[in-house]
C-alpha atoms as a PDB file:
ATOM      1  CA  MET A   1       0.248   0.185   0.089  1.00  0.00           C
ATOM      2  CA  LEU A   2       2.893   2.241   0.777  1.00  0.00           C
ATOM      3  CA  ARG A   3       4.489   1.583  -2.177  1.00  0.00           C
ATOM      4  CA  SER A   4       1.420   2.055  -4.282  1.00  0.00           C
ATOM      5  CA  ASN A   5       0.874   5.579  -2.538  1.00  0.00           C
ATOM      6  CA  PHE A   6       4.476   6.439  -3.593  1.00  0.00           C
ATOM      7  CA  ASN A   7       4.351   5.178  -7.263  1.00  0.00           C
ATOM      8  CA  LEU A   8       0.930   7.226  -7.504  1.00  0.00           C
ATOM      9  CA  GLY A   9       2.536  10.495  -6.542  1.00  0.00           C
ATOM     10  CA  LEU A  10       5.539   9.565  -9.373  1.00  0.00           C
ATOM     11  CA  LEU A  11       3.258   9.110 -11.722  1.00  0.00           C
ATOM     12  CA  ALA A  12       1.388  12.128 -11.247  1.00  0.00           C
ATOM     13  CA  VAL A  13       4.633  14.015 -11.508  1.00  0.00           C
ATOM     14  CA  ALA A  14       5.409  12.183 -14.717  1.00  0.00           C
ATOM     15  CA  ALA A  15       2.144  13.231 -16.214  1.00  0.00           C
ATOM     16  CA  SER A  16       2.447  16.942 -15.380  1.00  0.00           C
ATOM     17  CA  ALA A  17       5.896  16.802 -16.612  1.00  0.00           C
ATOM     18  CA  ALA A  18       4.253  15.163 -20.010  1.00  0.00           C
ATOM     19  CA  LEU A  19       1.656  17.720 -20.103  1.00  0.00           C
ATOM     20  CA  LEU A  20       4.000  20.885 -20.275  1.00  0.00           C
ATOM     21  CA  LEU A  21       6.669  19.169 -22.682  1.00  0.00           C
ATOM     22  CA  SER A  22       3.658  18.648 -24.994  1.00  0.00           C
ATOM     23  CA  THR A  23       2.180  22.461 -25.084  1.00  0.00           C
ATOM     24  CA  GLY A  24       5.668  23.385 -26.373  1.00  0.00           C
ATOM     25  CA  SER A  25       5.601  21.058 -29.588  1.00  0.00           C
ATOM     26  CA  ALA A  26       5.320  22.225 -33.176  1.00  0.00           C
ATOM     27  CA  ARG A  27       1.484  22.521 -34.148  1.00  0.00           C
ATOM     28  CA  ALA A  28       0.106  21.958 -37.338  1.00  0.00           C
ATOM     29  CA  GLY A  29      -2.623  25.170 -38.581  1.00  0.00           C
ATOM     30  CA  MET A  30      -3.156  27.834 -40.872  1.00  0.00           C
ATOM     31  CA  VAL A  31      -4.641  31.121 -40.784  1.00  0.00           C
ATOM     32  CA  THR A  32      -6.796  32.415 -43.416  1.00  0.00           C
ATOM     33  CA  ILE A  33      -8.244  36.039 -43.624  1.00  0.00           C
ATOM     34  CA  THR A  34     -11.087  36.494 -45.845  1.00  0.00           C
ATOM     35  CA  LEU A  35     -12.989  39.471 -47.318  1.00  0.00           C
ATOM     36  CA  PHE A  36     -16.463  38.707 -48.600  1.00  0.00           C
ATOM     37  CA  ASP A  37     -18.470  41.027 -50.680  1.00  0.00           C
ATOM     38  CA  GLY A  38     -21.258  40.761 -53.147  1.00  0.00           C
ATOM     39  CA  ALA A  39     -19.412  40.347 -56.087  1.00  0.00           C
ATOM     40  CA  GLY A  40     -17.261  37.477 -54.502  1.00  0.00           C
ATOM     41  CA  GLN A  41     -14.349  37.141 -52.067  1.00  0.00           C
ATOM     42  CA  GLN A  42     -10.645  37.857 -51.676  1.00  0.00           C
ATOM     43  CA  GLN A  43      -8.510  35.819 -49.071  1.00  0.00           C
ATOM     44  CA  ASP A  44      -4.974  35.563 -47.639  1.00  0.00           C
ATOM     45  CA  THR A  45      -3.574  32.373 -46.234  1.00  0.00           C
ATOM     46  CA  PHE A  46      -0.780  31.815 -43.896  1.00  0.00           C
ATOM     47  CA  VAL A  47       0.853  28.575 -43.260  1.00  0.00           C
ATOM     48  CA  THR A  48       3.344  29.364 -40.577  1.00  0.00           C
ATOM     49  CA  ALA A  49       2.328  30.879 -36.835  1.00  0.00           C
ATOM     50  CA  GLN A  50       3.701  34.305 -36.907  1.00  0.00           C
ATOM     51  CA  GLY A  51       1.589  36.001 -34.339  1.00  0.00           C
ATOM     52  CA  THR A  52       0.813  39.274 -36.289  1.00  0.00           C
ATOM     53  CA  TYR A  53      -0.663  38.925 -39.904  1.00  0.00           C
ATOM     54  CA  THR A  54      -0.912  42.272 -41.960  1.00  0.00           C
ATOM     55  CA  PHE A  55      -3.351  42.507 -45.058  1.00  0.00           C
ATOM     56  CA  ALA A  56      -4.587  44.780 -47.826  1.00  0.00           C
ATOM     57  CA  PHE A  57      -7.622  43.385 -50.107  1.00  0.00           C
ATOM     58  CA  SER A  58      -8.575  45.312 -53.482  1.00  0.00           C
ATOM     59  CA  PRO A  59     -11.110  47.539 -53.493  1.00  0.00           C
ATOM     60  CA  THR A  60     -14.670  46.493 -53.702  1.00  0.00           C
ATOM     61  CA  ALA A  61     -17.838  47.637 -55.768  1.00  0.00           C
ATOM     62  CA  ASN A  62     -18.670  49.993 -52.506  1.00  0.00           C
ATOM     63  CA  TYR A  63     -15.335  50.095 -50.218  1.00  0.00           C
ATOM     64  CA  THR A  64     -11.897  51.209 -50.881  1.00  0.00           C
ATOM     65  CA  GLY A  65      -8.567  51.274 -48.564  1.00  0.00           C
ATOM     66  CA  ILE A  66      -9.046  48.043 -46.977  1.00  0.00           C
ATOM     67  CA  THR A  67      -6.255  47.344 -45.122  1.00  0.00           C
ATOM     68  CA  GLY A  68      -5.517  45.802 -41.584  1.00  0.00           C
ATOM     69  CA  MET A  69      -3.835  43.507 -39.051  1.00  0.00           C
ATOM     70  CA  LEU A  70      -4.722  40.528 -37.256  1.00  0.00           C
ATOM     71  CA  THR A  71      -2.905  40.106 -33.644  1.00  0.00           C
ATOM     72  CA  THR A  72      -2.708  36.679 -32.045  1.00  0.00           C
ATOM     73  CA  ASN A  73      -0.384  34.811 -29.600  1.00  0.00           C
ATOM     74  CA  ASP A  74      -0.739  31.983 -31.824  1.00  0.00           C
ATOM     75  CA  ASN A  75       2.945  31.321 -31.962  1.00  0.00           C
ATOM     76  CA  ALA A  76       3.411  31.381 -28.014  1.00  0.00           C
ATOM     77  CA  GLY A  77       2.768  28.155 -27.201  1.00  0.00           C
ATOM     78  CA  THR A  78       0.613  29.066 -24.055  1.00  0.00           C
ATOM     79  CA  PRO A  79      -2.590  26.962 -23.761  1.00  0.00           C
ATOM     80  CA  SER A  80      -3.935  28.798 -20.825  1.00  0.00           C
ATOM     81  CA  LEU A  81      -4.414  32.077 -22.853  1.00  0.00           C
ATOM     82  CA  ALA A  82      -5.292  32.125 -26.640  1.00  0.00           C
ATOM     83  CA  SER A  83      -5.858  35.522 -28.063  1.00  0.00           C
ATOM     84  CA  LEU A  84      -6.967  37.191 -31.377  1.00  0.00           C
ATOM     85  CA  SER A  85      -7.379  40.911 -32.513  1.00  0.00           C
ATOM     86  CA  LEU A  86      -8.904  41.626 -35.817  1.00  0.00           C
ATOM     87  CA  ALA A  87      -8.622  45.280 -36.830  1.00  0.00           C
ATOM     88  CA  TYR A  88      -9.157  46.750 -40.442  1.00  0.00           C
ATOM     89  CA  GLN A  89     -10.087  49.975 -41.798  1.00  0.00           C
ATOM     90  CA  ALA A  90     -11.838  50.611 -45.373  1.00  0.00           C
ATOM     91  CA  THR A  91     -13.844  53.969 -46.518  1.00  0.00           C
ATOM     92  CA  ARG A  92     -17.097  53.662 -47.815  1.00  0.00           C
ATOM     93  CA  THR A  93     -16.953  55.015 -51.917  1.00  0.00           C
ATOM     94  CA  SER A  94     -19.589  57.065 -53.599  1.00  0.00           C
ATOM     95  CA  ALA A  95     -20.804  54.229 -55.844  1.00  0.00           C
ATOM     96  CA  ASN A  96     -24.718  53.281 -55.182  1.00  0.00           C
ATOM     97  CA  PRO A  97     -25.451  56.271 -52.776  1.00  0.00           C
ATOM     98  CA  GLY A  98     -28.154  55.393 -50.279  1.00  0.00           C
ATOM     99  CA  VAL A  99     -27.788  51.714 -50.842  1.00  0.00           C
ATOM    100  CA  ALA A 100     -26.595  49.979 -47.263  1.00  0.00           C
ATOM    101  CA  ASP A 101     -23.458  47.586 -48.289  1.00  0.00           C
ATOM    102  CA  GLN A 102     -22.056  45.247 -45.943  1.00  0.00           C
ATOM    103  CA  LEU A 103     -17.718  44.876 -45.670  1.00  0.00           C
ATOM    104  CA  ARG A 104     -17.136  41.436 -44.399  1.00  0.00           C
ATOM    105  CA  ILE A 105     -13.879  39.993 -43.162  1.00  0.00           C
ATOM    106  CA  VAL A 106     -13.548  36.520 -41.651  1.00  0.00           C
ATOM    107  CA  ALA A 107     -10.194  35.760 -39.819  1.00  0.00           C
ATOM    108  CA  ASN A 108      -9.685  32.104 -38.961  1.00  0.00           C
ATOM    109  CA  ASP A 109      -6.635  30.926 -36.887  1.00  0.00           C
ATOM    110  CA  SER A 110      -5.829  27.461 -36.037  1.00  0.00           C
ATOM    111  CA  PHE A 111      -2.452  27.314 -34.699  1.00  0.00           C
ATOM    112  CA  PHE A 112      -3.064  27.682 -31.163  1.00  0.00           C
ATOM    113  CA  ALA A 113      -1.895  25.487 -28.320  1.00  0.00           C
ATOM    114  CA  GLY A 114      -4.642  24.351 -25.793  1.00  0.00           C
ATOM    115  CA  ILE A 115      -5.303  21.489 -23.200  1.00  0.00           C
ATOM    116  CA  LEU A 116      -8.411  19.102 -22.517  1.00  0.00           C
ATOM    117  CA  ALA A 117      -9.667  21.308 -20.179  1.00  0.00           C
ATOM    118  CA  PRO A 118     -12.924  23.808 -19.742  1.00  0.00           C
ATOM    119  CA  TYR A 119     -12.184  27.042 -21.504  1.00  0.00           C
ATOM    120  CA  HIS A 120     -14.077  30.671 -20.704  1.00  0.00           C
ATOM    121  CA  ALA A 121     -14.495  32.342 -24.200  1.00  0.00           C
ATOM    122  CA  SER A 122     -15.182  36.134 -24.577  1.00  0.00           C
ATOM    123  CA  HIS A 123     -15.056  38.708 -27.434  1.00  0.00           C
ATOM    124  CA  THR A 124     -15.164  42.239 -27.552  1.00  0.00           C
ATOM    125  CA  LEU A 125     -16.373  44.673 -30.568  1.00  0.00           C
ATOM    126  CA  SER A 126     -14.916  48.232 -30.556  1.00  0.00           C
ATOM    127  CA  GLY A 127     -14.567  51.213 -33.147  1.00  0.00           C
ATOM    128  CA  VAL A 128     -15.377  54.452 -34.809  1.00  0.00           C
ATOM    129  CA  VAL A 129     -16.610  55.778 -38.196  1.00  0.00           C
ATOM    130  CA  THR A 130     -15.880  59.322 -39.421  1.00  0.00           C
ATOM    131  CA  ASN A 131     -16.740  61.402 -42.069  1.00  0.00           C
ATOM    132  CA  PHE A 132     -14.953  64.883 -42.487  1.00  0.00           C
ATOM    133  CA  THR A 133     -15.884  65.133 -46.258  1.00  0.00           C
ATOM    134  CA  ASN A 134     -19.709  65.045 -45.573  1.00  0.00           C
ATOM    135  CA  GLY A 135     -19.840  66.466 -41.918  1.00  0.00           C
ATOM    136  CA  SER A 136     -21.399  63.729 -40.166  1.00  0.00           C
ATOM    137  CA  THR A 137     -21.413  60.119 -40.665  1.00  0.00           C
ATOM    138  CA  GLY A 138     -24.724  58.214 -42.488  1.00  0.00           C
ATOM    139  CA  ALA A 139     -26.467  55.290 -41.180  1.00  0.00           C
ATOM    140  CA  THR A 140     -23.554  53.058 -40.250  1.00  0.00           C
ATOM    141  CA  SER A 141     -23.526  49.725 -38.156  1.00  0.00           C
ATOM    142  CA  ALA A 142     -20.583  47.035 -37.133  1.00  0.00           C
ATOM    143  CA  SER A 143     -21.106  43.374 -36.187  1.00  0.00           C
ATOM    144  CA  LEU A 144     -18.790  41.216 -34.478  1.00  0.00           C
ATOM    145  CA  SER A 145     -19.474  37.071 -34.159  1.00  0.00           C
ATOM    146  CA  SER A 146     -16.877  34.854 -33.041  1.00  0.00           C
ATOM    147  CA  THR A 147     -16.607  30.918 -32.687  1.00  0.00           C
ATOM    148  CA  PHE A 148     -14.039  28.884 -30.332  1.00  0.00           C
ATOM    149  CA  MET A 149     -13.116  25.466 -31.118  1.00  0.00           C
ATOM    150  CA  GLY A 150     -11.540  23.078 -29.078  1.00  0.00           C
ATOM    151  CA  SER A 151     -12.992  19.323 -28.149  1.00  0.00           C
ATOM    152  CA  THR A 152     -16.170  21.211 -28.210  1.00  0.00           C
ATOM    153  CA  SER A 153     -16.917  24.476 -29.650  1.00  0.00           C
ATOM    154  CA  ALA A 154     -18.511  28.161 -28.450  1.00  0.00           C
ATOM    155  CA  THR A 155     -20.563  30.833 -30.815  1.00  0.00           C
ATOM    156  CA  LEU A 156     -20.828  34.381 -29.556  1.00  0.00           C
ATOM    157  CA  GLY A 157     -22.694  36.797 -31.568  1.00  0.00           C
ATOM    158  CA  PRO A 158     -23.636  38.482 -33.029  1.00  0.00           C
ATOM    159  CA  THR A 159     -22.352  41.206 -30.922  1.00  0.00           C
ATOM    160  CA  THR A 160     -23.669  44.699 -32.708  1.00  0.00           C
ATOM    161  CA  ALA A 161     -23.207  48.739 -32.360  1.00  0.00           C
ATOM    162  CA  THR A 162     -24.726  51.398 -34.472  1.00  0.00           C
ATOM    163  CA  GLY A 163     -23.457  54.482 -35.438  1.00  0.00           C
ATOM    164  CA  ASN A 164     -25.173  57.801 -34.273  1.00  0.00           C
ATOM    165  CA  GLY A 165     -25.049  60.059 -37.458  1.00  0.00           C
ATOM    166  CA  SER A 166     -22.478  62.510 -35.712  1.00  0.00           C
ATOM    167  CA  LEU A 167     -19.233  63.676 -37.463  1.00  0.00           C
ATOM    168  CA  VAL A 168     -17.424  60.992 -35.171  1.00  0.00           C
ATOM    169  CA  SER A 169     -19.328  58.070 -34.257  1.00  0.00           C
ATOM    170  CA  VAL A 170     -17.790  55.171 -32.237  1.00  0.00           C
ATOM    171  CA  PHE A 171     -19.309  51.696 -31.881  1.00  0.00           C
ATOM    172  CA  GLY A 172     -19.069  49.794 -28.594  1.00  0.00           C
ATOM    173  CA  PRO A 173     -17.240  48.360 -26.833  1.00  0.00           C
ATOM    174  CA  ALA A 174     -19.498  45.689 -26.820  1.00  0.00           C
ATOM    175  CA  SER A 175     -19.152  42.148 -25.328  1.00  0.00           C
ATOM    176  CA  ALA A 176     -20.273  38.537 -25.237  1.00  0.00           C
ATOM    177  CA  SER A 177     -18.994  35.588 -23.282  1.00  0.00           C
ATOM    178  CA  GLY A 178     -19.423  31.634 -23.016  1.00  0.00           C
ATOM    179  CA  THR A 179     -17.594  28.315 -22.371  1.00  0.00           C
ATOM    180  CA  PHE A 180     -16.288  25.266 -24.398  1.00  0.00           C
ATOM    181  CA  SER A 181     -14.039  22.218 -23.493  1.00  0.00           C
ATOM    182  CA  GLY A 182     -10.563  22.591 -24.843  1.00  0.00           C
ATOM    183  CA  ALA A 183      -8.484  20.117 -26.814  1.00  0.00           C
ATOM    184  CA  THR A 184      -3.948  20.353 -27.725  1.00  0.00           C
ATOM    185  CA  ASN A 185      -5.133  22.422 -30.521  1.00  0.00           C
ATOM    186  CA  LEU A 186      -7.681  25.424 -30.171  1.00  0.00           C
ATOM    187  CA  THR A 187      -9.215  27.470 -33.451  1.00  0.00           C
ATOM    188  CA  LEU A 188     -10.416  31.072 -33.243  1.00  0.00           C
ATOM    189  CA  THR A 189     -12.106  32.469 -35.766  1.00  0.00           C
ATOM    190  CA  ALA A 190     -13.582  36.380 -35.768  1.00  0.00           C
ATOM    191  CA  ASP A 191     -16.208  37.553 -38.129  1.00  0.00           C
ATOM    192  CA  LEU A 192     -16.858  41.232 -38.402  1.00  0.00           C
ATOM    193  CA  SER A 193     -18.388  43.463 -40.426  1.00  0.00           C
ATOM    194  CA  ALA A 194     -19.674  47.201 -41.322  1.00  0.00           C
ATOM    195  CA  THR A 195     -22.568  48.362 -43.133  1.00  0.00           C
ATOM    196  CA  SER A 196     -22.784  51.954 -44.829  1.00  0.00           C
ATOM    197  CA  GLY A 197     -24.548  53.399 -47.660  1.00  0.00           C
ATOM    198  CA  THR A 198     -23.143  56.694 -47.587  1.00  0.00           C
ATOM    199  CA  ALA A 199     -20.290  57.974 -49.167  1.00  0.00           C
ATOM    200  CA  ASN A 200     -16.775  58.730 -47.461  1.00  0.00           C
ATOM    201  CA  ASP A 201     -17.976  56.842 -44.232  1.00  0.00           C
ATOM    202  CA  ALA A 202     -14.333  55.571 -42.741  1.00  0.00           C
ATOM    203  CA  PHE A 203     -14.284  52.557 -40.805  1.00  0.00           C
ATOM    204  CA  SER A 204     -11.795  51.969 -38.112  1.00  0.00           C
ATOM    205  CA  LEU A 205     -12.895  48.576 -36.633  1.00  0.00           C
ATOM    206  CA  GLN A 206     -11.873  46.138 -33.921  1.00  0.00           C
ATOM    207  CA  GLY A 207     -12.730  42.217 -32.908  1.00  0.00           C
ATOM    208  CA  SER A 208     -10.958  41.008 -29.919  1.00  0.00           C
ATOM    209  CA  LEU A 209     -11.231  37.370 -29.160  1.00  0.00           C
ATOM    210  CA  GLN A 210      -9.877  35.701 -25.804  1.00  0.00           C
ATOM    211  CA  ALA A 211      -9.941  31.744 -24.666  1.00  0.00           C
ATOM    212  CA  THR A 212      -8.726  31.304 -21.279  1.00  0.00           C
ATOM    213  CA  THR A 213      -8.175  28.489 -18.771  1.00  0.00           C
ATOM    214  CA  PRO A 214      -6.068  27.679 -15.685  1.00  0.00           C
ATOM    215  CA  GLU A 215      -2.320  28.077 -16.300  1.00  0.00           C
ATOM    216  CA  PRO A 216      -0.873  24.224 -17.214  1.00  0.00           C
ATOM    217  CA  ALA A 217       1.882  25.341 -14.368  1.00  0.00           C
ATOM    218  CA  SER A 218      -1.369  25.006 -12.011  1.00  0.00           C
ATOM    219  CA  LEU A 219      -2.270  21.743 -12.658  1.00  0.00           C
ATOM    220  CA  ALA A 220       1.561  20.683 -12.750  1.00  0.00           C
ATOM    221  CA  LEU A 221       1.808  21.804  -9.214  1.00  0.00           C
ATOM    222  CA  ALA A 222      -1.460  20.113  -8.056  1.00  0.00           C
ATOM    223  CA  PHE A 223       0.025  16.547  -9.286  1.00  0.00           C
ATOM    224  CA  THR A 224       3.124  17.795  -7.658  1.00  0.00           C
ATOM    225  CA  GLY A 225       1.573  18.486  -4.297  1.00  0.00           C
ATOM    226  CA  PHE A 226      -0.326  15.204  -4.813  1.00  0.00           C
ATOM    227  CA  ALA A 227       3.128  13.552  -5.127  1.00  0.00           C
ATOM    228  CA  ILE A 228       4.510  15.249  -2.224  1.00  0.00           C
ATOM    229  CA  ALA A 229       1.397  14.450   0.257  1.00  0.00           C
ATOM    230  CA  GLY A 230       1.722  10.696  -1.126  1.00  0.00           C
ATOM    231  CA  ALA A 231       5.192  10.658  -0.375  1.00  0.00           C
ATOM    232  CA  GLY A 232       5.236  12.468   3.078  1.00  0.00           C
ATOM    233  CA  ALA A 233       2.403  10.230   4.156  1.00  0.00           C
ATOM    234  CA  TRP A 234       4.659   7.055   3.385  1.00  0.00           C
ATOM    235  CA  TRP A 235       7.730   8.855   4.900  1.00  0.00           C
ATOM    236  CA  ARG A 236       5.495   9.333   8.309  1.00  0.00           C
ATOM    237  CA  ARG A 237       4.126   6.096   8.205  1.00  0.00           C
ATOM    238  CA  SER A 238       7.668   4.642   8.014  1.00  0.00           C
ATOM    239  CA  ARG A 239       8.874   6.784  10.968  1.00  0.00           C
ATOM    240  CA  ALA A 240       6.116   5.315  12.922  1.00  0.00           C
ATOM    241  CA  LYS A 241       6.849   1.840  12.478  1.00  0.00           C
ATOM    242  CA  ALA A 242      10.099   2.406  13.072  1.00  0.00           C
END
């Protein structure tokens, strides 16, 4: 019985060490950033995790100056936190005045390290629209939906915000949260859109996503604590018999 308790402690330490080592290994995945427009779509693809991804798309029928950045910690190998921030800017052209048109960009990142544990998921929508040419913005809105994928998934949103028609109109911040079960790899997806029918409305939008769970180090400490407790009990019983 004494040997059994001691061996269980050693197995727990070994298991925690294996967990920590596995999180640092290379992970397969891909980053895609896709622009959807009524006339079709454009896409950038990245096959190595690099943390930050910049993009610029060709003008659409109703929007121009479409540039942005996807900022993540997908190359950090930290299962306790997966973060993704999609930000872009675009300006409504003078084409099709009065017709509300949506500009939608979706970023999907499957490089994140994860573990088999419950995760808390959250996202936040923020941004601003300005129109210094006209002196006021038109009827504008922004929307953020997100998906968090592990062994189960969570979908948040759509979280929406509406402009107030002033010279500078602020969106949000507006947030949502949920839970999902993790896996050794996590995938985060941000779906961020802007809608306007007024020429020269200039958008700057950001959608921020986070998935959090207890630190692997905390799990390791728990396993180590179990091992130390088992060893301590074995040592005390051994002394009592002596």
